[in-house]
């Protein structure tokens, strides 16, 4: 999903070392405790200010860790819009793509055990693995699957499992070979959930157990994350923050805040694509995970989840995401260089190393931030799709942890929200106006009916219904609805499920008959996981 927030390290002990050398341990420990209390107070006050500025947000949870200690694990607001203030530190949230760094850690464990090598070809572990490009098929490595650099377009193949589909993991893997590759191999960064599904299958092949069993027994249980589950489908609705979003009118992400589903499992079931983003966790458990990552794999009992060498490797950049001239007064957080490593984004932020990942599911977004130079980290889990609130929280909390001050992230995020809303509403008016002025299709509607097939997605059926057309994405239960004329040979969907994004379908005629079609999203704000643009339909 676009809210992955990637569209959105040596363990530093310098602070502890200086403190221990300059004052007796007991006095230093008391000072550290006071510092942690002050930090918790400052973060808590800032979170409450953010919620006042974004009053439609139902609930969220925040965890802050520093020096191996929980500074803050707290819930705010409600699990359900209009409900009681019942989010606490153990309320479960769908954390989506924050799962990716757990998948990377699973492979790191197998690297330590000698069962996987980062730079070994994928075919070493999955002999039948094939992509649409034979050159890449032979050369893609384990590292590549975790680095968003294979050459797929943004979100390529996501319709195999987004929104919820009925495909099995084996069916997704069988479809991978047909998903188009748009860019050069290792030539640039393009966010790709599909390759993390492949990474999860490497875990299964090398370990002899499914990805979900491996992460449960070898990571979740060992770290002591007792509430966390590898699949949101396993999350108890009574203990979960329920998903919320804006479903229009006029467009998705506009209009009133709405409860989207009575459970996170109902709206977000990625069991088949779990390695890309299916975890449900809470502030207490994720604080444990952040402490392990900051400790470079060391567990509280002195044992190791993974070695320091593999920990460093997971933080080592593999592809450049972007670059700039650096911070300005208006953009104090702008990175000189942002990169992607393995399951983590790595960049500079206000002159320090900043390791992060985001996650976006229908009705929720999340973020994890590690600041190794401060031996600190924090997470934000949300049960609504308010990305500008998350921006204000992520940057503002980072500034508090890093002792930076002076920039109004709340005001700036509200400004960007207002500007973006204005552009979106203008775009919606333009879309409707073009349809009102559009010309009729050149053929009777019945001529467009039939079964249309894409090599990787499968069949999309267009049928006659009530004097019009009905479009059915046969493997995606929510993507079914009327198909109406828009302009000439372009038609548009009107999915009854307003949580989903509509699409244009553009027909190509030969000898007076529709024979091929392409698609694209209607809304300019469409989440990239609706990768309609990658479909190439041929009429059967």
Protein backbone atom coordinates (compact mmCIF):
# COMPACT_ATOMS: atom_id res chain seq x y z
CA UNK A 1 0.00 0.00 0.00
CA UNK A 2 1.16 3.55 -0.64
CA UNK A 3 1.16 4.25 3.06
CA UNK A 4 4.04 1.89 3.48
CA UNK A 5 5.84 5.18 4.15
CA UNK A 6 8.78 4.24 2.10
CA UNK A 7 6.95 6.37 -0.14
CA UNK A 8 7.11 6.07 3.72
CA UNK A 9 24.15 0.27 12.43
CA UNK A 10 26.38 -0.04 15.10
CA UNK A 11 24.85 0.02 18.54
CA UNK A 12 25.89 3.29 20.12
CA UNK A 13 26.58 3.17 23.85
CA UNK A 14 28.34 6.50 24.00
CA UNK A 15 25.78 8.15 26.29
CA UNK A 16 25.88 5.29 28.78
CA UNK A 17 29.65 5.14 28.58
CA UNK A 18 30.12 8.82 29.36
CA UNK A 19 27.64 8.66 32.22
CA UNK A 20 29.23 5.62 33.81
CA UNK A 21 32.68 7.14 33.63
CA UNK A 22 31.75 10.50 35.11
CA UNK A 23 29.50 9.60 38.07
CA UNK A 24 28.94 6.59 40.33
CA UNK A 25 26.64 3.98 38.81
CA UNK A 26 23.79 4.53 41.25
CA UNK A 27 23.75 8.28 40.60
CA UNK A 28 24.03 7.72 36.84
CA UNK A 29 21.15 5.23 36.90
CA UNK A 30 18.97 7.71 38.78
CA UNK A 31 19.87 10.41 36.23
CA UNK A 32 19.01 8.06 33.36
CA UNK A 33 15.68 7.23 35.00
CA UNK A 34 14.91 10.93 35.32
CA UNK A 35 15.86 11.46 31.67
CA UNK A 36 13.52 8.66 30.63
CA UNK A 37 10.70 10.14 32.69
CA UNK A 38 11.23 13.54 31.08
CA UNK A 39 11.29 11.96 27.62
CA UNK A 40 8.09 10.02 28.31
CA UNK A 41 6.37 13.19 29.54
CA UNK A 42 7.47 15.17 26.50
CA UNK A 43 6.39 12.50 24.00
CA UNK A 44 3.06 11.94 25.72
CA UNK A 45 2.29 15.67 25.71
CA UNK A 46 3.22 15.92 22.04
CA UNK A 47 1.03 12.95 21.05
CA UNK A 48 -1.92 14.55 22.81
CA UNK A 49 -1.29 17.81 20.93
CA UNK A 50 -1.29 15.90 17.65
CA UNK A 51 -4.58 14.23 18.47
CA UNK A 52 -6.13 17.60 19.30
CA UNK A 53 -4.99 18.90 15.91
CA UNK A 54 -6.37 15.83 14.08
CA UNK A 55 -9.60 15.22 16.01
CA UNK A 56 -11.02 12.63 13.59
CA UNK A 57 -8.35 10.09 14.55
CA UNK A 58 -10.04 7.28 16.55
CA UNK A 59 -7.01 5.77 18.29
CA UNK A 60 -3.35 4.92 18.22
CA UNK A 61 -0.55 3.52 20.34
CA UNK A 62 3.01 4.72 20.84
CA UNK A 63 6.12 2.96 22.14
CA UNK A 64 9.44 4.66 22.91
CA UNK A 65 12.59 2.82 23.97
CA UNK A 66 16.02 4.09 24.92
CA UNK A 67 19.12 2.46 26.40
CA UNK A 68 17.39 -0.91 26.44
CA UNK A 69 14.50 0.43 28.53
CA UNK A 70 10.83 1.04 27.82
CA UNK A 71 10.39 4.79 28.09
CA UNK A 72 6.74 4.83 27.04
CA UNK A 73 4.19 2.22 25.91
CA UNK A 74 0.77 3.81 25.81
CA UNK A 75 -2.56 3.73 23.97
CA UNK A 76 -4.70 6.72 23.08
CA UNK A 77 -8.30 7.07 21.99
CA UNK A 78 -10.72 4.40 20.91
CA UNK A 79 -10.64 1.06 19.13
CA UNK A 80 -13.94 1.95 17.43
CA UNK A 81 -15.11 5.39 16.33
CA UNK A 82 -17.46 6.81 18.96
CA UNK A 83 -16.53 4.15 21.49
CA UNK A 84 -14.93 4.52 24.91
CA UNK A 85 -11.27 5.47 25.38
CA UNK A 86 -10.17 1.85 25.36
CA UNK A 87 -6.90 1.68 23.39
CA UNK A 88 -4.11 0.61 25.71
CA UNK A 89 -0.53 -0.53 25.34
CA UNK A 90 -1.67 -4.10 24.55
CA UNK A 91 -4.29 -3.27 21.92
CA UNK A 92 -3.44 -5.06 18.68
CA UNK A 93 -2.95 -3.14 15.44
CA UNK A 94 -2.34 -4.34 11.91
CA UNK A 95 1.26 -3.18 11.31
CA UNK A 96 1.38 -4.15 7.62
CA UNK A 97 4.80 -3.60 6.02
CA UNK A 98 6.59 -3.26 9.34
CA UNK A 99 6.44 -7.05 9.03
CA UNK A 100 9.12 -6.84 6.34
CA UNK A 101 11.99 -6.35 8.78
CA UNK A 102 10.85 -9.48 10.63
CA UNK A 103 11.04 -11.42 7.37
CA UNK A 104 14.55 -10.05 6.83
CA UNK A 105 15.46 -11.15 10.37
CA UNK A 106 14.14 -14.65 9.66
CA UNK A 107 16.54 -14.91 6.74
CA UNK A 108 19.33 -13.46 8.90
CA UNK A 109 18.86 -16.32 11.37
CA UNK A 110 19.16 -18.80 8.51
CA UNK A 111 22.27 -16.99 7.25
CA UNK A 112 23.85 -17.39 10.70
CA UNK A 113 23.01 -21.09 10.59
CA UNK A 114 24.62 -21.50 7.18
CA UNK A 115 21.37 -22.49 5.50
CA UNK A 116 21.04 -19.30 3.43
CA UNK A 117 23.51 -16.87 1.86
CA UNK A 118 22.54 -13.28 1.14
CA UNK A 119 24.08 -13.24 -2.33
CA UNK A 120 23.13 -16.73 -3.44
CA UNK A 121 20.64 -16.93 -6.35
CA UNK A 122 17.01 -17.47 -5.38
CA UNK A 123 17.01 -20.61 -7.55
CA UNK A 124 19.43 -22.24 -5.10
CA UNK A 125 16.50 -22.48 -2.68
CA UNK A 126 13.55 -22.36 -5.10
CA UNK A 127 14.76 -24.28 -8.19
CA UNK A 128 11.56 -23.67 -10.18
CA UNK A 129 11.57 -19.90 -9.56
CA UNK A 130 11.18 -17.93 -12.78
CA UNK A 131 10.54 -14.30 -13.69
CA UNK A 132 9.38 -12.83 -16.99
CA UNK A 133 12.98 -11.82 -17.74
CA UNK A 134 15.30 -14.88 -18.06
CA UNK A 135 18.40 -12.78 -17.36
CA UNK A 136 17.04 -11.62 -14.00
CA UNK A 137 15.65 -15.09 -13.21
CA UNK A 138 19.17 -16.50 -13.19
CA UNK A 139 20.76 -13.68 -11.20
CA UNK A 140 18.24 -12.48 -8.60
CA UNK A 141 19.58 -13.18 -5.09
CA UNK A 142 18.15 -13.40 -1.60
CA UNK A 143 19.42 -9.87 -0.97
CA UNK A 144 17.54 -8.60 -4.03
CA UNK A 145 14.21 -9.96 -2.79
CA UNK A 146 14.54 -7.79 0.34
CA UNK A 147 15.80 -4.61 -1.35
CA UNK A 148 13.12 -3.39 -3.82
CA UNK A 149 15.62 -3.33 -6.68
CA UNK A 150 14.64 -6.24 -8.93
CA UNK A 151 13.08 -4.00 -11.59
CA UNK A 152 9.35 -4.40 -11.01
CA UNK A 153 7.21 -1.28 -11.17
CA UNK A 154 5.76 0.25 -8.02
CA UNK A 155 3.42 -2.24 -6.39
CA UNK A 156 3.64 -4.70 -9.27
CA UNK A 157 1.57 -7.82 -8.67
CA UNK A 158 -0.19 -6.49 -5.58
CA UNK A 159 -3.61 -7.25 -7.07
CA UNK A 160 -2.75 -10.91 -6.51
CA UNK A 161 -3.49 -10.30 -2.82
CA UNK A 162 -4.71 -6.70 -2.51
CA UNK A 163 -7.55 -6.19 -1.74
CA UNK A 164 -8.19 -9.54 -0.09
CA UNK A 165 -8.17 -12.28 -2.71
CA UNK A 166 -8.88 -16.00 -2.66
CA UNK A 167 -5.42 -17.01 -3.91
CA UNK A 168 -3.17 -19.42 -2.11
CA UNK A 169 0.52 -18.73 -1.61
CA UNK A 170 1.30 -21.37 -4.25
CA UNK A 171 -0.92 -19.57 -6.74
CA UNK A 172 0.83 -16.26 -6.05
CA UNK A 173 4.21 -17.88 -6.59
CA UNK A 174 2.99 -19.43 -9.85
CA UNK A 175 1.85 -16.02 -11.08
CA UNK A 176 5.16 -14.26 -10.32
CA UNK A 177 6.70 -15.40 -13.63
CA UNK A 178 4.04 -13.49 -15.58
CA UNK A 179 4.18 -10.13 -13.73
CA UNK A 180 5.79 -7.56 -16.07
CA UNK A 181 9.20 -6.10 -15.21
CA UNK A 182 9.42 -2.45 -16.21
CA UNK A 183 12.89 -1.33 -15.15
CA UNK A 184 16.49 -2.43 -15.21
CA UNK A 185 17.74 -5.05 -12.78
CA UNK A 186 19.27 -3.32 -9.72
CA UNK A 187 18.94 -0.03 -11.59
CA UNK A 188 16.74 1.72 -9.05
CA UNK A 189 14.29 1.51 -6.17
CA UNK A 190 10.69 0.43 -6.79
CA UNK A 191 8.67 -0.77 -3.80
CA UNK A 192 7.66 -4.40 -4.33
CA UNK A 193 5.60 -6.51 -1.92
CA UNK A 194 5.74 -9.45 -4.30
CA UNK A 195 9.44 -10.14 -3.74
CA UNK A 196 8.90 -10.32 0.02
CA UNK A 197 6.42 -13.11 -0.62
CA UNK A 198 9.28 -14.82 -2.46
CA UNK A 199 11.57 -14.11 0.50
CA UNK A 200 9.08 -15.83 2.78
CA UNK A 201 9.15 -18.89 0.55
CA UNK A 202 12.95 -18.94 0.78
CA UNK A 203 12.54 -19.03 4.58
CA UNK A 204 10.18 -21.98 4.18
CA UNK A 205 12.43 -23.87 1.77
CA UNK A 206 15.59 -23.38 3.83
CA UNK A 207 14.00 -24.09 7.21
CA UNK A 208 11.54 -26.82 6.30
CA UNK A 209 8.61 -24.99 7.87
CA UNK A 210 6.16 -22.34 6.61
CA UNK A 211 7.18 -18.69 7.03
CA UNK A 212 4.53 -18.12 9.71
CA UNK A 213 5.69 -21.11 11.76
CA UNK A 214 9.31 -20.01 11.54
CA UNK A 215 8.66 -16.42 12.64
CA UNK A 216 6.37 -17.63 15.44
CA UNK A 217 8.79 -20.15 16.92
CA UNK A 218 12.13 -18.57 16.07
CA UNK A 219 11.32 -14.87 16.54
CA UNK A 220 8.00 -14.05 18.23
CA UNK A 221 8.36 -16.67 20.97
CA UNK A 222 12.06 -16.06 21.59
CA UNK A 223 11.67 -12.29 21.85
CA UNK A 224 8.72 -12.79 24.20
CA UNK A 225 6.16 -11.00 22.04
CA UNK A 226 3.28 -12.88 23.63
CA UNK A 227 0.43 -10.88 22.10
CA UNK A 228 1.80 -10.66 18.56
CA UNK A 229 0.43 -12.90 15.81
CA UNK A 230 1.95 -13.42 12.35
CA UNK A 231 -1.45 -13.09 10.64
CA UNK A 232 -4.06 -10.41 11.26
CA UNK A 233 -6.59 -13.19 10.63
CA UNK A 234 -5.50 -14.55 14.03
CA UNK A 235 -6.08 -11.27 15.87
CA UNK A 236 -8.91 -11.27 18.40
CA UNK A 237 -11.37 -8.50 17.36
CA UNK A 238 -12.12 -7.84 21.04
CA UNK A 239 -8.47 -6.88 21.59
CA UNK A 240 -7.86 -5.13 18.25
CA UNK A 241 -8.05 -1.53 17.09
CA UNK A 242 -10.67 -1.56 14.34
CA UNK A 243 -9.92 -0.04 10.91
CA UNK A 244 -11.16 3.41 9.90
CA UNK A 245 -10.89 5.55 6.79
CA UNK A 246 -12.59 8.03 4.52
CA UNK A 247 -14.57 6.54 1.63
CA UNK A 248 -15.96 9.70 0.02
CA UNK A 249 -17.70 11.31 -1.56
CA UNK A 250 -16.25 12.31 -3.89
CA UNK A 251 -13.15 10.08 -3.73
CA UNK A 252 -11.55 7.53 -1.45
CA UNK A 253 -9.57 9.28 1.35
CA UNK A 254 -12.11 12.14 1.31
CA UNK A 255 -15.29 12.66 3.33
CA UNK A 256 -16.19 11.66 6.86
CA UNK A 257 -14.17 9.25 8.98
CA UNK A 258 -15.88 5.85 8.82
CA UNK A 259 -15.53 2.47 10.50
CA UNK A 260 -14.47 0.17 7.66
CA UNK A 261 -14.89 -3.26 9.27
CA UNK A 262 -15.70 -4.92 12.59
CA UNK A 263 -12.31 -6.65 12.65
CA UNK A 264 -8.85 -6.08 11.23
CA UNK A 265 -8.96 -9.68 10.02
CA UNK A 266 -12.04 -9.03 7.91
CA UNK A 267 -10.55 -6.14 5.96
CA UNK A 268 -6.92 -7.24 5.96
CA UNK A 269 -6.21 -10.90 5.32
CA UNK A 270 -2.76 -11.32 3.82
CA UNK A 271 -2.18 -14.85 5.03
CA UNK A 272 -1.03 -15.88 1.54
CA UNK A 273 1.34 -12.89 1.37
CA UNK A 274 2.22 -12.82 5.06
CA UNK A 275 5.95 -12.19 4.69
CA UNK A 276 5.18 -8.85 3.01
CA UNK A 277 2.94 -7.44 5.72
CA UNK A 278 0.57 -9.53 7.85
CA UNK A 279 1.67 -9.03 11.48
CA UNK A 280 -0.62 -7.74 14.21
CA UNK A 281 1.23 -6.38 17.24
CA UNK A 282 1.03 -3.82 20.02
CA UNK A 283 3.16 -1.21 21.76
CA UNK A 284 4.43 -3.54 24.49
CA UNK A 285 5.56 -6.26 22.10
CA UNK A 286 6.98 -3.96 19.45
CA UNK A 287 9.06 -2.20 22.09
CA UNK A 288 10.71 -5.57 22.71
CA UNK A 289 11.39 -5.94 18.99
CA UNK A 290 12.91 -2.46 18.72
CA UNK A 291 15.22 -3.16 21.67
CA UNK A 292 16.48 -6.33 19.99
CA UNK A 293 17.11 -4.45 16.76
CA UNK A 294 18.96 -1.65 18.56
CA UNK A 295 20.99 -4.29 20.46
CA UNK A 296 22.03 -5.75 17.10
CA UNK A 297 20.31 -9.07 17.76
CA UNK A 298 21.12 -9.51 21.45
CA UNK A 299 18.29 -10.76 23.67
CA UNK A 300 17.79 -9.72 27.30
CA UNK A 301 18.95 -13.12 28.58
CA UNK A 302 22.35 -12.69 26.91
CA UNK A 303 21.67 -15.03 24.00
CA UNK A 304 21.38 -13.82 20.44
CA UNK A 305 18.50 -13.88 17.98
CA UNK A 306 20.95 -13.23 15.16
CA UNK A 307 24.60 -12.22 15.00
CA UNK A 308 25.93 -8.71 15.06
CA UNK A 309 27.35 -9.28 11.58
CA UNK A 310 23.95 -10.10 10.09
CA UNK A 311 22.39 -7.24 12.06
CA UNK A 312 24.80 -4.83 10.39
CA UNK A 313 24.10 -6.40 7.01
CA UNK A 314 20.36 -5.78 7.37
CA UNK A 315 21.08 -2.08 7.97
CA UNK A 316 23.55 -1.76 5.07
CA UNK A 317 22.06 0.21 2.14
CA UNK A 318 21.50 -1.71 -1.10
CA UNK A 319 19.76 0.83 -3.33
CA UNK A 320 19.41 4.61 -3.42
CA UNK A 321 15.83 5.76 -2.96
CA UNK A 322 16.46 9.48 -3.37
CA UNK A 323 18.84 12.34 -2.77
CA UNK A 324 18.68 16.09 -2.28
CA UNK A 325 20.78 19.06 -1.24
CA UNK A 326 19.75 18.40 2.32
CA UNK A 327 17.74 20.18 5.00
CA UNK A 328 16.33 23.67 4.64
CA UNK A 329 14.43 25.90 7.02
CA UNK A 330 11.17 24.80 5.37
CA UNK A 331 12.25 21.15 5.14
CA UNK A 332 14.39 20.46 8.22
CA UNK A 333 14.01 16.70 7.92
CA UNK A 334 14.98 16.39 4.25
CA UNK A 335 17.64 13.74 3.75
CA UNK A 336 20.78 14.20 1.73
CA UNK A 337 20.52 10.52 0.84
CA UNK A 338 17.75 8.03 1.51
CA UNK A 339 18.33 4.34 0.84
CA UNK A 340 16.78 0.93 1.33
CA UNK A 341 18.67 -1.88 3.02
CA UNK A 342 16.93 -5.19 3.80
CA UNK A 343 13.53 -4.63 5.36
CA UNK A 344 14.55 -1.14 6.48
CA UNK A 345 14.88 2.34 5.01
CA UNK A 346 18.14 4.03 6.02
CA UNK A 347 18.77 7.76 5.67
CA UNK A 348 20.19 10.81 7.35
CA UNK A 349 17.82 12.93 9.42
CA UNK A 350 19.00 16.18 10.98
CA UNK A 351 22.57 15.00 10.69
CA UNK A 352 22.09 11.58 12.27
CA UNK A 353 21.46 8.04 11.05
CA UNK A 354 17.77 7.27 10.91
CA UNK A 355 16.48 3.74 10.25
CA UNK A 356 12.79 3.37 9.63
CA UNK A 357 9.90 1.54 8.02
CA UNK A 358 6.25 2.23 7.56
CA UNK A 359 3.17 0.15 6.96
CA UNK A 360 -0.23 0.72 5.44
CA UNK A 361 -3.28 -1.51 5.55
CA UNK A 362 -6.91 -0.64 4.79
CA UNK A 363 -7.92 1.38 7.81
CA UNK A 364 -4.54 1.70 9.48
CA UNK A 365 -0.99 2.95 9.14
CA UNK A 366 2.13 2.48 11.22
CA UNK A 367 5.76 3.48 11.54
CA UNK A 368 8.91 2.26 13.26
CA UNK A 369 11.94 4.52 13.74
CA UNK A 370 15.36 3.54 15.11
CA UNK A 371 17.99 6.17 15.94
CA UNK A 372 21.10 4.11 16.69
CA UNK A 373 23.25 7.08 17.65
CA UNK A 374 20.83 7.77 20.51
CA UNK A 375 20.29 4.06 21.30
CA UNK A 376 16.61 4.89 20.92
CA UNK A 377 13.59 4.01 18.85
CA UNK A 378 9.86 4.49 18.70
CA UNK A 379 6.80 3.11 16.97
CA UNK A 380 3.38 4.51 16.09
CA UNK A 381 0.42 2.26 15.33
CA UNK A 382 -2.81 3.84 14.08
CA UNK A 383 -6.31 2.60 13.29
CA UNK A 384 -7.06 5.17 10.58
CA UNK A 385 -5.47 6.21 7.29
CA UNK A 386 -4.46 9.71 8.42
CA UNK A 387 -1.01 9.91 6.84
CA UNK A 388 -0.40 13.57 7.70
CA UNK A 389 -1.07 12.87 11.36
CA UNK A 390 1.48 10.06 11.15
CA UNK A 391 3.93 12.48 9.52
CA UNK A 392 3.51 14.95 12.39
CA UNK A 393 3.94 12.20 14.97
CA UNK A 394 6.94 10.54 13.32
CA UNK A 395 8.94 13.72 12.76
CA UNK A 396 7.89 15.41 15.97
CA UNK A 397 8.74 12.45 18.19
CA UNK A 398 12.06 12.04 16.39
CA UNK A 399 12.89 15.66 17.14
CA UNK A 400 12.05 15.17 20.82
CA UNK A 401 14.21 12.05 21.06
CA UNK A 402 17.07 13.82 19.25
CA UNK A 403 16.79 17.08 21.23
CA UNK A 404 15.89 19.02 18.09
CA UNK A 405 13.31 21.75 18.36
CA UNK A 406 11.81 24.70 16.59
CA UNK A 407 9.80 23.24 13.71
CA UNK A 408 6.02 23.02 13.82
CA UNK A 409 5.38 19.57 12.38
CA UNK A 410 1.72 19.72 13.40
CA UNK A 411 1.03 23.01 11.65
CA UNK A 412 3.06 22.04 8.60
CA UNK A 413 1.27 18.69 8.27
CA UNK A 414 -2.13 20.37 8.59
CA UNK A 415 -1.10 22.79 5.84
CA UNK A 416 -0.05 19.97 3.53
CA UNK A 417 -3.28 18.13 4.28
CA UNK A 418 -5.38 21.16 3.33
CA UNK A 419 -3.42 21.70 0.12
CA UNK A 420 -3.68 18.04 -0.85
CA UNK A 421 -7.41 17.95 -0.13
CA UNK A 422 -7.92 20.98 -2.36
CA UNK A 423 -6.08 19.32 -5.24
CA UNK A 424 -7.99 16.07 -4.80
CA UNK A 425 -11.39 17.76 -4.79
CA UNK A 426 -10.45 19.70 -7.92
CA UNK A 427 -9.37 16.47 -9.61
CA UNK A 428 -12.66 14.80 -8.67
CA UNK A 429 -14.62 17.65 -10.28
CA UNK A 430 -12.53 17.35 -13.43
CA UNK A 431 -13.08 13.58 -13.61
CA UNK A 432 -16.85 13.99 -13.32
CA UNK A 433 -16.92 16.85 -15.83
CA UNK A 434 -15.04 14.81 -18.41
CA UNK A 435 -17.52 11.97 -18.05
CA UNK A 436 -20.47 14.34 -18.45
CA UNK A 437 -18.94 15.72 -21.66
CA UNK A 438 -17.71 12.34 -22.95
CA UNK A 439 -18.87 10.70 -26.13
CA UNK A 440 -20.66 7.37 -26.20
CA UNK A 441 -18.84 4.11 -26.94
CA UNK A 442 -18.67 3.30 -30.64
CA UNK A 443 -20.32 -0.10 -30.15
CA UNK A 444 -23.39 -1.35 -28.27
CA UNK A 445 -22.52 -2.21 -24.67
CA UNK A 446 -23.10 -5.91 -25.27
CA UNK A 447 -20.12 -5.92 -27.64
CA UNK A 448 -17.73 -5.36 -24.69
CA UNK A 449 -19.04 -8.31 -22.68
CA UNK A 450 -16.94 -11.43 -22.38
CA UNK A 451 -14.07 -12.99 -20.48
CA UNK A 452 -10.86 -10.97 -20.50
CA UNK A 453 -7.62 -12.53 -19.37
CA UNK A 454 -4.38 -11.10 -18.00
CA UNK A 455 -1.32 -13.39 -17.88
CA UNK A 456 -0.60 -12.82 -14.18
CA UNK A 457 -3.93 -11.74 -12.66
CA UNK A 458 -6.19 -14.18 -14.47
CA UNK A 459 -9.74 -13.57 -15.63
CA UNK A 460 -11.87 -10.46 -15.47
CA UNK A 461 -15.44 -11.05 -16.65
CA UNK A 462 -17.67 -8.38 -18.17
CA UNK A 463 -21.31 -9.35 -18.45
CA UNK A 464 -24.62 -7.72 -19.30
CA UNK A 465 -26.79 -6.83 -16.33
CA UNK A 466 -29.94 -4.67 -16.06
CA UNK A 467 -29.33 -3.01 -19.39
CA UNK A 468 -25.72 -2.16 -18.55
CA UNK A 469 -22.42 -3.87 -17.92
CA UNK A 470 -21.06 -5.57 -14.81
CA UNK A 471 -17.33 -6.10 -14.23
CA UNK A 472 -16.00 -8.91 -12.05
CA UNK A 473 -12.38 -9.26 -10.91
CA UNK A 474 -12.89 -12.99 -10.40
CA UNK A 475 -10.19 -13.48 -7.72
CA UNK A 476 -10.90 -10.28 -5.72
CA UNK A 477 -14.27 -10.39 -3.99
CA UNK A 478 -14.56 -6.64 -3.45
CA UNK A 479 -13.74 -5.63 -7.02
CA UNK A 480 -17.13 -6.32 -8.59
CA UNK A 481 -19.57 -3.71 -9.82
CA UNK A 482 -21.15 -1.72 -12.66
CA UNK A 483 -19.03 -0.71 -15.64
CA UNK A 484 -20.34 2.45 -17.22
CA UNK A 485 -19.42 4.56 -20.29
CA UNK A 486 -16.96 7.34 -19.58
CA UNK A 487 -15.56 8.69 -22.85
CA UNK A 488 -15.46 6.79 -26.13
CA UNK A 489 -13.76 3.43 -25.66
CA UNK A 490 -12.94 4.27 -22.04
CA UNK A 491 -15.31 3.04 -19.34
CA UNK A 492 -15.13 3.26 -15.57
CA UNK A 493 -16.13 1.04 -12.68
CA UNK A 494 -18.53 1.96 -9.87
CA UNK A 495 -17.70 -0.58 -7.21
CA UNK A 496 -20.50 -0.78 -4.61
CA UNK A 497 -17.85 -1.36 -1.93
CA UNK A 498 -16.72 2.24 -1.53
CA UNK A 499 -13.64 1.15 0.39
CA UNK A 500 -12.15 0.08 -2.95
CA UNK A 501 -10.66 2.18 -5.74
CA UNK A 502 -12.41 2.49 -9.10
CA UNK A 503 -10.64 1.94 -12.39
CA UNK A 504 -10.82 3.10 -15.98
CA UNK A 505 -10.78 0.34 -18.59
CA UNK A 506 -9.62 1.40 -22.06
CA UNK A 507 -10.64 -0.90 -24.89
CA UNK A 508 -8.75 -1.38 -28.14
CA UNK A 509 -10.84 -2.21 -31.20
CA UNK A 510 -9.75 -4.16 -34.24
CA UNK A 511 -12.04 -4.79 -37.21
CA UNK A 512 -14.90 -3.28 -35.26
CA UNK A 513 -14.49 -5.59 -32.27
CA UNK A 514 -12.95 -5.07 -28.78
CA UNK A 515 -9.90 -7.34 -28.55
CA UNK A 516 -7.57 -5.86 -25.92
CA UNK A 517 -7.86 -3.57 -22.91
CA UNK A 518 -5.70 -1.76 -20.37
CA UNK A 519 -6.65 -0.23 -17.04
CA UNK A 520 -5.66 2.62 -14.76
CA UNK A 521 -6.94 4.01 -11.50
CA UNK A 522 -9.58 6.73 -11.51
CA UNK A 523 -8.36 8.68 -8.48
CA UNK A 524 -5.07 10.58 -8.48
CA UNK A 525 -4.75 9.56 -4.81
CA UNK A 526 -5.13 5.84 -5.49
CA UNK A 527 -3.03 3.52 -3.36
CA UNK A 528 -0.27 2.00 -5.45
CA UNK A 529 -1.26 -1.52 -4.48
CA UNK A 530 -4.16 -1.20 -6.90
CA UNK A 531 -1.74 -1.84 -9.74
CA UNK A 532 -4.41 -1.75 -12.43
CA UNK A 533 -1.87 -0.25 -14.83
CA UNK A 534 0.02 -3.55 -14.98
CA UNK A 535 -2.94 -5.44 -16.42
CA UNK A 536 -2.90 -6.35 -20.12
CA UNK A 537 -6.25 -7.90 -20.98
CA UNK A 538 -6.96 -10.01 -24.03
CA UNK A 539 -10.47 -11.07 -24.88
CA UNK A 540 -10.94 -14.81 -24.97
